[in-house]
Amino acid sequence: MITISHLIKSYGPTRALDDVSLTVERGEIYGVVGTSGAGKSTLIRTVNGLEAPDSGTVEVDGTVITGLTGPELRAARHRIGMIFQHFNLLSRRTVAGNVSLALEAQGLPRAARRARVAEILDLVGLADRAGHYPAQLSGGQKQRVGIARALATNPSVLLSDEATSALDPETTASILQLLQRLNRELGLTILLITHEMDVVKQICTSAALMQRGRIVEAGRLRELLLTPGSVIARQLFPLGEAPVTPGATVLDLTFTELTAHDPVIARLAREQGLDIGLLGAAIETIDGVQSGRTRLELPAGADVARAIASLRAQGIVVEEVAA
């Protein structure tokens, strides 16, 4: 659905994108996560042609975006919706007027515009706010207007540029639920950028980690969770620093649906006669699958190699974090 190949983009001596390649499958919710300055915003702006890369290509739903100009680029953008962090609403236009903007640019007749705007506002839960102005809306309602505006032209792809970072946690959750519903009901492919791993955790099926203009890790979340050393997996389940008891060994266990309900720790303690300490645990539903991370302390004198082999034989990812 979205194929990004070897993108390079520089601003003077600063390389914002450094040979970036990424593939987003149709129907995915794909998150690109990283700190400020990692290149996330530049990346997403190349997808809809707001930024032109120095080299490389971007293809969206069969159309190569890079290199398009004028009417061809405008036509391509109608198939790519975009929602922004700070809403970008016109204060002198009503909610309906803001949503109607893209339809006016398409030259759609007034009656058709009104019907489409009413349909979209109902979809995002703002049917009763059509005549309100942005100043009369809450932050969450403003973002819903932004989403409605992005959907007005019936795009196949929705891009989200830090769409929840200016919202409180409760409102963020409601916006993420809306995006999930749109993905499910409309078949939208969603590419979002964020610096919040919780956003990735809640709604994404795949993710990429950007650092200094490069993608350092990418893939399906389920697969990353089972990849030893995965930075994204660690950040999805942060357990903090590992305390070390003299002579003891600390292990981090990452598991998915195959082992989430199994009494693996009790079994290990019983079979090997160990007094195992539980130092931390976190369990979440990731990509529809119950997954988690647990930190154990094996006592001095334990056969660590045997314990690790036993756990890995059950499909658990095991990392020795302190000894």
Protein backbone atom coordinates (compact mmCIF):
# COMPACT_ATOMS: atom_id res chain seq x y z
CA MET A 1 0.00 0.00 0.00
CA ILE A 2 2.84 2.38 0.93
CA THR A 3 6.33 1.62 -0.30
CA ILE A 4 9.13 3.96 0.73
CA SER A 5 12.46 3.24 -0.92
CA HIS A 6 15.87 4.66 -0.04
CA LEU A 7 14.70 8.17 0.86
CA ILE A 8 17.35 10.81 1.47
CA LYS A 9 16.47 14.34 2.55
CA SER A 10 18.90 16.97 3.80
CA TYR A 11 18.46 20.48 5.16
CA GLY A 12 21.85 22.07 4.71
CA PRO A 13 24.38 19.91 6.59
CA THR A 14 21.64 18.04 8.46
CA ARG A 15 20.40 14.78 6.95
CA ALA A 16 16.80 14.38 8.12
CA LEU A 17 16.26 11.13 6.20
CA ASP A 18 19.22 8.83 5.65
CA ASP A 19 18.42 5.98 3.25
CA VAL A 20 14.98 5.24 4.71
CA SER A 21 12.98 2.30 3.36
CA LEU A 22 9.64 1.12 4.73
CA THR A 23 6.65 -0.95 3.57
CA VAL A 24 3.14 -0.55 4.98
CA GLU A 25 0.71 -3.28 3.99
CA ARG A 26 -2.90 -2.57 3.03
CA GLY A 27 -5.15 -2.31 6.08
CA GLU A 28 -2.31 -1.92 8.59
CA ILE A 29 -2.00 0.62 11.37
CA TYR A 30 1.72 1.30 11.21
CA GLY A 31 3.48 3.43 13.82
CA VAL A 32 6.78 5.23 13.37
CA VAL A 33 8.19 6.11 16.78
CA GLY A 34 11.20 8.13 17.83
CA THR A 35 12.31 11.18 19.76
CA SER A 36 12.10 14.75 18.46
CA GLY A 37 14.49 15.31 15.59
CA ALA A 38 14.56 11.65 14.55
CA GLY A 39 13.10 12.48 11.11
CA LYS A 40 9.54 11.23 11.65
CA SER A 41 7.72 14.36 10.46
CA THR A 42 9.94 14.72 7.41
CA LEU A 43 9.23 11.10 6.54
CA ILE A 44 5.45 11.40 6.73
CA ARG A 45 5.48 14.67 4.75
CA THR A 46 7.23 12.92 1.87
CA VAL A 47 4.39 10.41 1.68
CA ASN A 48 1.85 13.04 0.60
CA GLY A 49 4.29 15.21 -1.31
CA LEU A 50 4.51 18.08 1.17
CA GLU A 51 8.26 17.46 1.14
CA ALA A 52 10.27 16.36 -1.88
CA PRO A 53 13.17 14.02 -1.05
CA ASP A 54 16.62 14.58 -2.51
CA SER A 55 16.49 11.00 -3.78
CA GLY A 56 14.45 7.85 -3.37
CA THR A 57 10.81 7.09 -4.13
CA VAL A 58 7.43 6.94 -2.40
CA GLU A 59 4.61 4.86 -3.87
CA VAL A 60 1.09 5.03 -2.43
CA ASP A 61 -1.61 2.64 -3.65
CA GLY A 62 0.13 2.13 -6.97
CA THR A 63 0.98 5.80 -7.61
CA VAL A 64 4.56 7.06 -7.36
CA ILE A 65 4.20 10.31 -5.41
CA THR A 66 7.76 11.51 -5.75
CA GLY A 67 8.19 13.57 -8.88
CA LEU A 68 4.51 14.55 -9.21
CA THR A 69 3.70 18.25 -9.49
CA GLY A 70 0.73 20.51 -10.14
CA PRO A 71 -2.66 18.88 -10.87
CA GLU A 72 -1.24 15.35 -10.72
CA LEU A 73 0.10 15.88 -7.21
CA ARG A 74 -3.15 17.50 -6.06
CA ALA A 75 -5.14 14.56 -7.44
CA ALA A 76 -2.87 12.10 -5.64
CA ARG A 77 -3.26 13.98 -2.36
CA HIS A 78 -7.04 13.58 -2.52
CA ARG A 79 -6.44 9.86 -1.95
CA ILE A 80 -4.20 10.53 1.08
CA GLY A 81 -5.80 12.04 4.18
CA MET A 82 -3.65 13.93 6.71
CA ILE A 83 -4.33 14.85 10.33
CA PHE A 84 -2.06 17.20 12.27
CA GLN A 85 -0.94 17.69 15.85
CA HIS A 86 -2.35 21.22 16.16
CA PHE A 87 -5.55 20.63 14.15
CA ASN A 88 -4.91 23.39 11.53
CA LEU A 89 -8.57 24.47 11.48
CA LEU A 90 -9.76 27.76 10.00
CA SER A 91 -11.18 29.80 12.87
CA ARG A 92 -13.66 31.70 10.69
CA ARG A 93 -15.19 28.56 9.26
CA THR A 94 -17.67 26.33 11.03
CA VAL A 95 -17.03 22.66 11.60
CA ALA A 96 -18.94 21.85 8.41
CA GLY A 97 -17.05 24.56 6.54
CA ASN A 98 -13.67 23.15 7.59
CA VAL A 99 -14.62 19.63 6.55
CA SER A 100 -15.94 20.93 3.22
CA LEU A 101 -12.62 22.52 2.19
CA ALA A 102 -11.17 19.58 0.30
CA LEU A 103 -14.50 18.92 -1.42
CA GLU A 104 -14.59 22.51 -2.64
CA ALA A 105 -11.10 22.08 -4.07
CA GLN A 106 -12.39 19.05 -5.96
CA GLY A 107 -15.19 21.13 -7.44
CA LEU A 108 -17.94 18.97 -5.95
CA PRO A 109 -21.46 20.49 -6.26
CA ARG A 110 -22.86 22.14 -3.14
CA ALA A 111 -25.57 19.54 -2.51
CA ALA A 112 -23.07 16.69 -2.80
CA ARG A 113 -20.67 18.53 -0.45
CA ARG A 114 -23.37 18.97 2.16
CA ALA A 115 -24.35 15.31 2.01
CA ARG A 116 -20.75 14.13 2.30
CA VAL A 117 -19.96 16.50 5.17
CA ALA A 118 -23.04 15.32 7.09
CA GLU A 119 -22.04 11.69 6.52
CA ILE A 120 -18.48 12.21 7.73
CA LEU A 121 -19.43 14.28 10.78
CA ASP A 122 -21.83 11.55 11.83
CA LEU A 123 -19.05 9.00 11.40
CA VAL A 124 -16.69 10.86 13.78
CA GLY A 125 -19.43 11.71 16.31
CA LEU A 126 -19.82 15.42 15.55
CA ALA A 127 -23.17 15.55 13.74
CA ASP A 128 -24.48 17.98 16.37
CA ARG A 129 -21.49 20.33 16.05
CA ALA A 130 -21.71 21.13 12.33
CA GLY A 131 -22.56 24.81 12.91
CA HIS A 132 -20.02 25.40 15.69
CA TYR A 133 -16.74 27.28 15.27
CA PRO A 134 -13.35 25.89 16.38
CA ALA A 135 -13.24 28.23 19.40
CA GLN A 136 -16.37 26.52 20.71
CA LEU A 137 -14.84 23.04 20.65
CA SER A 138 -12.69 21.01 23.01
CA GLY A 139 -9.28 19.72 21.91
CA GLY A 140 -10.68 16.27 21.23
CA GLN A 141 -13.54 17.69 19.17
CA LYS A 142 -11.10 19.80 17.15
CA GLN A 143 -9.08 16.70 16.36
CA ARG A 144 -12.24 14.88 15.30
CA VAL A 145 -12.91 17.74 12.89
CA GLY A 146 -9.36 17.30 11.59
CA ILE A 147 -10.01 13.59 11.08
CA ALA A 148 -13.33 14.29 9.36
CA ARG A 149 -11.63 16.77 7.03
CA ALA A 150 -8.98 14.18 6.19
CA LEU A 151 -11.68 11.62 5.37
CA ALA A 152 -13.85 13.94 3.26
CA THR A 153 -12.35 12.89 -0.09
CA ASN A 154 -12.68 9.20 0.75
CA PRO A 155 -8.92 8.45 0.91
CA SER A 156 -7.44 4.97 1.03
CA VAL A 157 -4.56 6.11 3.27
CA LEU A 158 -4.66 8.21 6.43
CA LEU A 159 -1.50 9.89 7.74
CA SER A 160 -1.30 11.05 11.35
CA ASP A 161 1.37 13.54 12.40
CA GLU A 162 1.52 13.37 16.23
CA ALA A 163 -2.28 13.63 16.24
CA THR A 164 -2.67 12.89 19.98
CA SER A 165 0.38 14.55 21.53
CA ALA A 166 -1.53 17.77 22.38
CA LEU A 167 -4.39 15.88 24.06
CA ASP A 168 -4.97 14.62 27.59
CA PRO A 169 -4.83 10.84 28.21
CA GLU A 170 -8.61 10.29 28.22
CA THR A 171 -9.10 12.23 24.99
CA THR A 172 -6.09 10.47 23.44
CA ALA A 173 -7.71 7.10 24.17
CA SER A 174 -10.96 8.17 22.50
CA ILE A 175 -9.14 9.42 19.37
CA LEU A 176 -7.14 6.19 19.14
CA GLN A 177 -10.35 4.17 19.44
CA LEU A 178 -11.83 6.25 16.61
CA LEU A 179 -8.80 5.57 14.40
CA GLN A 180 -9.09 1.84 15.11
CA ARG A 181 -12.77 1.91 14.17
CA LEU A 182 -12.07 3.78 10.93
CA ASN A 183 -9.34 1.28 10.09
CA ARG A 184 -11.71 -1.59 10.71
CA GLU A 185 -14.91 -0.20 9.13
CA LEU A 186 -13.47 1.72 6.18
CA GLY A 187 -10.47 -0.49 5.48
CA LEU A 188 -8.17 2.51 5.88
CA THR A 189 -4.43 2.03 5.90
CA ILE A 190 -3.05 4.28 8.65
CA LEU A 191 0.53 5.49 8.98
CA LEU A 192 1.11 7.45 12.16
CA ILE A 193 4.12 9.03 13.75
CA THR A 194 4.46 9.50 17.46
CA HIS A 195 6.97 9.82 20.26
CA GLU A 196 4.62 7.93 22.59
CA MET A 197 5.13 4.18 22.78
CA ASP A 198 1.72 3.86 24.44
CA VAL A 199 0.12 4.91 21.14
CA VAL A 200 1.97 2.13 19.33
CA LYS A 201 1.02 -0.31 22.07
CA GLN A 202 -2.69 0.52 21.90
CA ILE A 203 -3.47 0.45 18.18
CA CYS A 204 -0.55 -0.47 15.92
CA THR A 205 0.00 -3.78 14.16
CA SER A 206 3.53 -2.88 13.01
CA ALA A 207 6.10 -0.30 14.02
CA ALA A 208 9.43 1.22 13.11
CA LEU A 209 11.93 2.98 15.36
CA MET A 210 13.71 6.03 13.92
CA GLN A 211 16.94 7.51 15.22
CA ARG A 212 18.89 10.33 13.57
CA GLY A 213 17.13 9.99 10.25
CA ARG A 214 17.47 6.22 9.98
CA ILE A 215 15.13 3.32 10.68
CA VAL A 216 16.98 1.12 13.13
CA GLU A 217 14.25 -1.48 13.67
CA ALA A 218 10.96 -2.32 11.97
CA GLY A 219 8.42 -5.13 11.73
CA ARG A 220 5.18 -6.64 12.98
CA LEU A 221 4.82 -6.09 16.72
CA ARG A 222 4.19 -9.78 17.36
CA GLU A 223 7.46 -10.65 15.63
CA LEU A 224 9.44 -7.89 17.34
CA LEU A 225 8.27 -9.11 20.73
CA LEU A 226 9.87 -12.46 19.98
CA THR A 227 13.11 -10.96 18.70
CA PRO A 228 15.94 -11.04 21.28
CA GLY A 229 17.42 -7.60 21.80
CA SER A 230 14.49 -5.73 20.20
CA VAL A 231 14.50 -2.11 21.37
CA ILE A 232 10.81 -1.71 20.51
CA ALA A 233 9.92 -4.80 22.55
CA ARG A 234 11.81 -3.39 25.55
CA GLN A 235 10.08 -0.03 25.22
CA LEU A 236 6.65 -1.64 24.93
CA PHE A 237 7.24 -3.25 28.35
CA PRO A 238 9.66 -1.06 30.32
CA LEU A 239 10.76 -2.68 33.58
CA GLY A 240 13.40 -0.15 34.63
CA GLU A 241 16.85 -0.92 35.92
CA ALA A 242 17.58 -4.46 37.03
CA PRO A 243 18.60 -4.71 40.70
CA VAL A 244 21.37 -7.20 41.33
CA THR A 245 21.69 -9.40 44.41
CA PRO A 246 25.24 -10.71 44.85
CA GLY A 247 25.50 -14.12 43.24
CA ALA A 248 22.03 -13.96 41.65
CA THR A 249 21.10 -13.81 37.97
CA VAL A 250 18.36 -11.58 36.54
CA LEU A 251 16.40 -12.72 33.47
CA ASP A 252 13.84 -10.88 31.34
CA LEU A 253 11.16 -13.11 29.82
CA THR A 254 9.02 -11.93 26.90
CA PHE A 255 6.01 -13.99 25.88
CA THR A 256 2.98 -13.91 23.58
CA GLU A 257 -0.27 -15.87 23.41
CA LEU A 258 1.59 -19.18 23.24
CA THR A 259 2.72 -18.85 26.85
CA ALA A 260 0.67 -16.07 28.42
CA HIS A 261 -1.56 -18.45 30.39
CA ASP A 262 1.02 -21.11 31.21
CA PRO A 263 2.42 -21.36 34.77
CA VAL A 264 5.98 -21.24 33.43
CA ILE A 265 7.54 -19.64 36.50
CA ALA A 266 5.91 -22.03 38.95
CA ARG A 267 6.87 -24.95 36.72
CA LEU A 268 10.48 -23.81 36.53
CA ALA A 269 10.70 -23.37 40.29
CA ARG A 270 9.18 -26.80 40.92
CA GLU A 271 11.18 -28.74 38.32
CA GLN A 272 14.54 -27.22 39.24
CA GLY A 273 13.98 -26.66 42.93
CA LEU A 274 14.58 -22.90 42.77
CA ASP A 275 13.40 -20.03 44.93
CA ILE A 276 12.66 -17.54 42.13
CA GLY A 277 12.17 -13.85 42.84
CA LEU A 278 9.70 -11.82 40.77
CA LEU A 279 11.16 -8.35 40.21
CA GLY A 280 8.64 -6.92 37.77
CA ALA A 281 5.96 -7.73 35.22
CA ALA A 282 3.79 -6.06 32.60
CA ILE A 283 1.02 -7.60 30.49
CA GLU A 284 -0.84 -5.87 27.66
CA THR A 285 -2.86 -6.76 24.59
CA ILE A 286 -0.59 -6.04 21.60
CA ASP A 287 -1.97 -6.41 18.08
CA GLY A 288 -4.89 -8.35 19.52
CA VAL A 289 -2.68 -10.80 21.41
CA GLN A 290 -2.03 -10.91 25.14
CA SER A 291 1.70 -10.37 25.55
CA GLY A 292 3.99 -9.51 28.39
CA ARG A 293 7.41 -9.16 29.94
CA THR A 294 8.50 -10.57 33.30
CA ARG A 295 11.73 -10.05 35.22
CA LEU A 296 12.98 -12.92 37.38
CA GLU A 297 15.84 -13.33 39.81
CA LEU A 298 17.46 -16.76 39.98
CA PRO A 299 19.30 -17.41 43.26
CA ALA A 300 23.03 -17.96 43.58
CA GLY A 301 23.99 -21.49 42.62
CA ALA A 302 21.14 -21.95 40.13
CA ASP A 303 21.89 -23.75 36.88
CA VAL A 304 21.23 -20.67 34.75
CA ALA A 305 21.93 -22.35 31.41
CA ARG A 306 19.48 -25.15 32.19
CA ALA A 307 16.80 -22.68 33.31
CA ILE A 308 17.19 -20.57 30.16
CA ALA A 309 17.06 -23.67 27.94
CA SER A 310 13.86 -24.82 29.64
CA LEU A 311 12.17 -21.43 29.18
CA ARG A 312 13.22 -21.10 25.54
CA ALA A 313 11.91 -24.58 24.82
CA GLN A 314 8.46 -23.22 25.78
CA GLY A 315 8.65 -20.44 23.19
CA ILE A 316 9.71 -17.70 25.59
CA VAL A 317 12.29 -15.08 24.65
CA VAL A 318 14.87 -14.97 27.45
CA GLU A 319 17.54 -12.31 27.96
CA GLU A 320 20.09 -12.30 30.75
CA VAL A 321 20.17 -8.69 31.95
CA ALA A 322 22.32 -8.94 35.08
CA ALA A 323 24.48 -11.50 36.79
